[in-house]
Structure formats: C-alpha cells, structure tokens
C-alpha cells in the first residue's frame, strides 16, 4: 500500500462515514472534506508567518514532524498533535481544534488550490509532540522578532 493510500485510510478512519470521506476526496473539485478533530488528533493552528517559521525550526530538530496543513494564502498553519492537547493548550494567538471541532482536510497526495499539506500524513499516526512544538514556536517567535534564536 502506498504512503498516500495509507494516509487516506488513517485520516478517513475518524470520519463518521469513511466511505463518504473518500468519495468527497475523489469526486469534489476542491479535493477536501471536513473531518472531526479530537479522536486520533487535535490541531494547533498558528498564524501563517509564525507557523511557517515554527515548521522550519521543527524540521531542524526532528526528522519527521506530524502532519502540517496550511490554508489558502498561507494565513494559518495547522499542526497535528495528540488528542486532548486542545483542551490543555494555553498559548496566546494559537487556536486549538479538539473534540467537537471539524477541520478542512485535503486528500493526501492530491494537489488542491486551497488548503494543502506542508507535511502530509504518513499513515502511521505520527503526530507532533506539543511540548516540542511549543519550544519551536518560542524559537521561531524570537527569530521573527529579531532575536538570534538557536
């Protein structure tokens, strides 16, 4: 099974009707669907510039962060983190999507004009550690503010 197909199955498994999710990815022009957060993952949503800088820091520290989405125009970046993180997150300026929220998710391996994967899911369930994400955000914020960082 290819990585994209495994990722599709992993993501679709949280949908109330996985077959409908897969159909939407295959048959809608935008190639996106809504999926519920809070079961296998939560999403921490950072403002675009901070999110991109945070991903840059993360990829210098670890080989493979969890899945990362970016919306149209790169205005917001969403990091997939373990379920329950949203309920405990206290960071200013960061939106937390957990149980009871829905996320626009593009099909892995398919090009879309809007929301897209910066780091696509690998299908194994890899998620970003929230403590490491927080440290990377502080480092990125310091760099953006003109500090030296690492």
Protein backbone atom coordinates (compact mmCIF):
# COMPACT_ATOMS: atom_id res chain seq x y z
CA UNK A 1 0.00 0.00 0.00
CA UNK A 2 1.41 3.41 -0.92
CA UNK A 3 2.07 6.05 1.74
CA UNK A 4 -0.67 8.32 0.31
CA UNK A 5 -3.22 5.48 0.34
CA UNK A 6 -2.26 4.57 3.91
CA UNK A 7 -2.58 8.26 4.88
CA UNK A 8 -6.03 8.42 3.25
CA UNK A 9 -7.17 5.39 5.25
CA UNK A 10 -5.74 6.80 8.51
CA UNK A 11 -7.42 10.18 8.04
CA UNK A 12 -10.73 8.73 6.81
CA UNK A 13 -10.91 6.44 9.84
CA UNK A 14 -12.02 9.39 12.01
CA UNK A 15 -14.92 10.30 9.70
CA UNK A 16 -18.44 9.29 10.73
CA UNK A 17 -18.67 7.58 7.32
CA UNK A 18 -15.18 6.87 5.95
CA UNK A 19 -16.53 5.83 2.55
CA UNK A 20 -18.24 9.24 2.16
CA UNK A 21 -14.99 10.96 3.11
CA UNK A 22 -13.07 9.03 0.45
CA UNK A 23 -15.82 9.77 -2.12
CA UNK A 24 -15.63 13.50 -1.38
CA UNK A 25 -11.87 13.48 -1.85
CA UNK A 26 -12.21 11.68 -5.17
CA UNK A 27 -15.23 13.47 -6.62
CA UNK A 28 -15.30 17.08 -5.44
CA UNK A 29 -13.40 19.74 -7.38
CA UNK A 30 -11.52 21.05 -4.33
CA UNK A 31 -10.47 17.60 -3.09
CA UNK A 32 -11.20 18.45 0.55
CA UNK A 33 -13.53 17.15 3.24
CA UNK A 34 -14.39 18.04 6.83
CA UNK A 35 -13.01 15.69 9.47
CA UNK A 36 -13.62 15.73 13.22
CA UNK A 37 -10.69 16.59 15.45
CA UNK A 38 -10.27 15.03 18.87
CA UNK A 39 -10.31 11.31 18.06
CA UNK A 40 -6.88 10.47 16.62
CA UNK A 41 -5.51 14.01 16.61
CA UNK A 42 -6.08 17.63 17.58
CA UNK A 43 -4.82 20.56 15.52
CA UNK A 44 -3.00 23.63 16.82
CA UNK A 45 -3.45 26.49 14.36
CA UNK A 46 -0.77 29.19 14.27
CA UNK A 47 -0.74 32.48 12.37
CA UNK A 48 0.93 31.89 8.97
CA UNK A 49 4.34 33.53 9.40
CA UNK A 50 4.82 32.06 12.88
CA UNK A 51 3.59 28.67 11.68
CA UNK A 52 5.99 28.52 8.75
CA UNK A 53 8.90 29.65 10.95
CA UNK A 54 7.90 27.07 13.59
CA UNK A 55 7.90 24.30 10.99
CA UNK A 56 11.36 25.43 9.89
CA UNK A 57 12.63 25.11 13.48
CA UNK A 58 10.93 21.72 13.93
CA UNK A 59 12.46 20.26 10.77
CA UNK A 60 15.91 21.27 12.00
CA UNK A 61 15.33 19.44 15.30
CA UNK A 62 13.46 16.27 14.28
CA UNK A 63 13.42 14.18 11.11
CA UNK A 64 9.65 13.92 10.70
CA UNK A 65 7.10 16.13 12.44
CA UNK A 66 3.47 15.12 12.37
CA UNK A 67 1.18 16.30 9.58
CA UNK A 68 1.06 20.05 8.92
CA UNK A 69 -1.60 21.89 6.91
CA UNK A 70 -1.53 25.39 5.52
CA UNK A 71 -4.58 27.27 4.29
CA UNK A 72 -5.10 29.36 1.18
CA UNK A 73 -2.67 32.26 1.16
CA UNK A 74 -0.58 30.68 3.94
CA UNK A 75 -2.52 32.70 6.53
CA UNK A 76 -2.74 29.82 9.03
CA UNK A 77 -0.69 26.70 9.67
CA UNK A 78 -2.16 23.67 11.44
CA UNK A 79 -0.01 21.16 13.32
CA UNK A 80 -1.50 17.74 14.09
CA UNK A 81 -0.86 16.90 17.76
CA UNK A 82 -2.11 14.15 20.11
CA UNK A 83 -5.81 14.17 21.03
CA UNK A 84 -6.52 16.08 24.23
CA UNK A 85 -3.89 18.75 23.50
CA UNK A 86 -6.53 21.33 22.53
CA UNK A 87 -8.24 21.06 25.93
CA UNK A 88 -4.96 21.82 27.73
CA UNK A 89 -3.44 24.40 25.38
CA UNK A 90 -2.96 27.88 26.83
CA UNK A 91 -0.83 29.57 24.16
CA UNK A 92 -1.81 33.10 23.17
CA UNK A 93 -2.68 33.61 19.50
CA UNK A 94 -2.92 29.88 18.82
CA UNK A 95 -6.26 28.29 18.01
CA UNK A 96 -6.81 24.78 19.29
CA UNK A 97 -9.15 22.39 17.46
CA UNK A 98 -10.08 19.34 19.50
CA UNK A 99 -13.12 17.27 20.36
CA UNK A 100 -16.25 18.84 18.90
CA UNK A 101 -14.49 20.75 16.11
CA UNK A 102 -14.08 19.98 12.43
CA UNK A 103 -11.09 20.63 10.17
CA UNK A 104 -10.94 21.10 6.39
CA UNK A 105 -8.60 18.34 5.23
CA UNK A 106 -7.29 17.87 1.69
CA UNK A 107 -6.69 14.45 0.23
CA UNK A 108 -3.07 13.34 0.79
CA UNK A 109 -1.21 13.09 -2.49
CA UNK A 110 -3.67 15.31 -4.39
CA UNK A 111 -2.90 18.88 -5.37
CA UNK A 112 -5.50 21.42 -4.27
CA UNK A 113 -5.80 25.15 -4.83
CA UNK A 114 -6.55 26.00 -1.21
CA UNK A 115 -5.71 24.09 1.94
CA UNK A 116 -2.70 21.87 1.32
CA UNK A 117 -0.22 19.68 3.16
CA UNK A 118 3.19 21.10 4.05
CA UNK A 119 3.95 17.79 5.77
CA UNK A 120 1.50 15.13 4.62
CA UNK A 121 0.47 12.35 6.99
CA UNK A 122 2.44 9.16 6.54
CA UNK A 123 -0.44 6.92 7.63
CA UNK A 124 1.40 5.63 10.69
CA UNK A 125 -0.20 8.09 13.10
CA UNK A 126 2.92 10.23 13.61
CA UNK A 127 1.97 13.44 15.45
CA UNK A 128 3.98 16.41 16.66
CA UNK A 129 4.80 16.44 20.36
CA UNK A 130 3.08 19.55 21.80
CA UNK A 131 5.97 20.34 24.17
CA UNK A 132 8.43 20.26 21.27
CA UNK A 133 6.02 22.34 19.18
CA UNK A 134 5.83 24.94 21.95
CA UNK A 135 9.63 25.18 22.17
CA UNK A 136 9.86 25.50 18.38
CA UNK A 137 7.21 28.26 18.47
CA UNK A 138 9.22 30.21 21.07
CA UNK A 139 12.35 29.83 18.97
CA UNK A 140 10.51 30.91 15.82
CA UNK A 141 8.91 33.90 17.58
CA UNK A 142 12.31 35.03 18.86
CA UNK A 143 13.79 34.75 15.37
CA UNK A 144 10.88 36.67 13.83
CA UNK A 145 11.24 39.38 16.49
CA UNK A 146 14.88 39.84 15.57
CA UNK A 147 16.44 37.66 18.24
CA UNK A 148 19.19 35.25 17.43
CA UNK A 149 17.42 32.01 18.43
CA UNK A 150 19.37 28.76 18.35
